[in-house]
Amino acid sequence: MAQLNESEKEVEVLASEIRHHNRLYFEKNAPEIDDFAFDALCRKLAVLAPDHPVLAEIVGDRKSTRLNSVTPI
C-alpha cells in the first residue's frame, strides 16, 4: 500500500470528519458543530478533491431528508 502524501492525508481527515458530523446530525440528532462549520468542511474538501465520494454521500443524504412539521406551513 502506498504512503499518502500530506494533501491526501488532509483529504482523508476531512472526509472522515464530514462523515462523522453527518452521522451525528442525521442519525443521532446530536450535532457537535453548526451548519456553517459543516459547510466549511465540505467546501474545503470540494476544493481539494471535488470528486471525493463523501461529497456525493452528503448530497444524497440531504436530498432524501424530509422535514416533518407538526403545523402546516
C-alpha atoms as a PDB file:
ATOM      1  CA  MET A   1       0.000   0.000   0.000  1.00  0.00           C
ATOM      2  CA  ALA A   2       1.368   3.395  -0.968  1.00  0.00           C
ATOM      3  CA  GLN A   3       2.055   6.084   1.583  1.00  0.00           C
ATOM      4  CA  LEU A   4      -0.326   9.045   1.484  1.00  0.00           C
ATOM      5  CA  ASN A   5       1.215  12.452   0.925  1.00  0.00           C
ATOM      6  CA  GLU A   6       0.193  15.401   3.114  1.00  0.00           C
ATOM      7  CA  SER A   7      -2.617  16.634   0.856  1.00  0.00           C
ATOM      8  CA  GLU A   8      -4.045  13.110   0.540  1.00  0.00           C
ATOM      9  CA  LYS A   9      -3.954  12.767   4.329  1.00  0.00           C
ATOM     10  CA  GLU A  10      -5.751  16.109   4.682  1.00  0.00           C
ATOM     11  CA  VAL A  11      -8.440  14.950   2.242  1.00  0.00           C
ATOM     12  CA  GLU A  12      -8.997  11.703   4.153  1.00  0.00           C
ATOM     13  CA  VAL A  13      -9.144  13.520   7.501  1.00  0.00           C
ATOM     14  CA  LEU A  14     -11.694  15.974   6.086  1.00  0.00           C
ATOM     15  CA  ALA A  15     -13.772  13.148   4.617  1.00  0.00           C
ATOM     16  CA  SER A  16     -13.726  11.330   7.949  1.00  0.00           C
ATOM     17  CA  GLU A  17     -14.771  14.488   9.817  1.00  0.00           C
ATOM     18  CA  ILE A  18     -17.601  15.147   7.362  1.00  0.00           C
ATOM     19  CA  ARG A  19     -18.910  11.585   7.669  1.00  0.00           C
ATOM     20  CA  HIS A  20     -18.696  11.801  11.463  1.00  0.00           C
ATOM     21  CA  HIS A  21     -20.612  15.072  11.667  1.00  0.00           C
ATOM     22  CA  ASN A  22     -23.137  13.990   9.036  1.00  0.00           C
ATOM     23  CA  ARG A  23     -23.856  10.812  11.021  1.00  0.00           C
ATOM     24  CA  LEU A  24     -24.253  12.758  14.266  1.00  0.00           C
ATOM     25  CA  TYR A  25     -26.650  15.202  12.625  1.00  0.00           C
ATOM     26  CA  PHE A  26     -28.847  12.806  10.654  1.00  0.00           C
ATOM     27  CA  GLU A  27     -28.685   9.545  12.606  1.00  0.00           C
ATOM     28  CA  LYS A  28     -28.134  10.615  16.214  1.00  0.00           C
ATOM     29  CA  ASN A  29     -29.786  14.061  16.175  1.00  0.00           C
ATOM     30  CA  ALA A  30     -26.800  15.257  18.184  1.00  0.00           C
ATOM     31  CA  PRO A  31     -24.719  17.696  16.121  1.00  0.00           C
ATOM     32  CA  GLU A  32     -21.370  18.836  17.522  1.00  0.00           C
ATOM     33  CA  ILE A  33     -20.865  21.686  15.046  1.00  0.00           C
ATOM     34  CA  ASP A  34     -23.220  24.170  13.420  1.00  0.00           C
ATOM     35  CA  ASP A  35     -24.247  24.131   9.762  1.00  0.00           C
ATOM     36  CA  PHE A  36     -21.800  26.899   8.866  1.00  0.00           C
ATOM     37  CA  ALA A  37     -18.829  24.884  10.176  1.00  0.00           C
ATOM     38  CA  PHE A  38     -20.067  21.723   8.423  1.00  0.00           C
ATOM     39  CA  ASP A  39     -20.461  23.600   5.142  1.00  0.00           C
ATOM     40  CA  ALA A  40     -16.933  24.995   5.533  1.00  0.00           C
ATOM     41  CA  LEU A  41     -15.566  21.450   5.849  1.00  0.00           C
ATOM     42  CA  CYS A  42     -17.480  20.427   2.722  1.00  0.00           C
ATOM     43  CA  ARG A  43     -16.266  23.454   0.759  1.00  0.00           C
ATOM     44  CA  LYS A  44     -12.669  22.737   1.733  1.00  0.00           C
ATOM     45  CA  LEU A  45     -12.998  19.111   0.631  1.00  0.00           C
ATOM     46  CA  ALA A  46     -14.639  20.211  -2.619  1.00  0.00           C
ATOM     47  CA  VAL A  47     -11.632  22.408  -3.375  1.00  0.00           C
ATOM     48  CA  LEU A  48      -9.065  19.732  -2.519  1.00  0.00           C
ATOM     49  CA  ALA A  49     -10.887  16.734  -4.017  1.00  0.00           C
ATOM     50  CA  PRO A  50     -14.003  17.755  -5.987  1.00  0.00           C
ATOM     51  CA  ASP A  51     -14.796  14.165  -6.977  1.00  0.00           C
ATOM     52  CA  HIS A  52     -14.431  12.644  -3.499  1.00  0.00           C
ATOM     53  CA  PRO A  53     -17.241  10.126  -2.831  1.00  0.00           C
ATOM     54  CA  VAL A  54     -18.134  11.657   0.527  1.00  0.00           C
ATOM     55  CA  LEU A  55     -19.407  14.764  -1.275  1.00  0.00           C
ATOM     56  CA  ALA A  56     -21.878  12.617  -3.217  1.00  0.00           C
ATOM     57  CA  GLU A  57     -22.875  10.837   0.009  1.00  0.00           C
ATOM     58  CA  ILE A  58     -23.810  14.034   1.811  1.00  0.00           C
ATOM     59  CA  VAL A  59     -25.721  15.423  -1.154  1.00  0.00           C
ATOM     60  CA  GLY A  60     -27.671  12.157  -1.283  1.00  0.00           C
ATOM     61  CA  ASP A  61     -28.404  12.355   2.453  1.00  0.00           C
ATOM     62  CA  ARG A  62     -29.685  15.907   2.191  1.00  0.00           C
ATOM     63  CA  LYS A  63     -31.883  15.181  -0.829  1.00  0.00           C
ATOM     64  CA  SER A  64     -33.543  12.220   0.855  1.00  0.00           C
ATOM     65  CA  THR A  65     -34.186  14.029   4.123  1.00  0.00           C
ATOM     66  CA  ARG A  66     -37.703  15.284   4.579  1.00  0.00           C
ATOM     67  CA  LEU A  67     -38.770  17.769   7.133  1.00  0.00           C
ATOM     68  CA  ASN A  68     -41.927  16.964   9.009  1.00  0.00           C
ATOM     69  CA  SER A  69     -43.759  19.820  10.595  1.00  0.00           C
ATOM     70  CA  VAL A  70     -46.457  19.464  13.230  1.00  0.00           C
ATOM     71  CA  THR A  71     -48.218  22.536  11.908  1.00  0.00           C
ATOM     72  CA  PRO A  72     -48.856  23.083   8.219  1.00  0.00           C
ATOM     73  CA  ILE A  73     -46.655  25.631   6.559  1.00  0.00           C
END
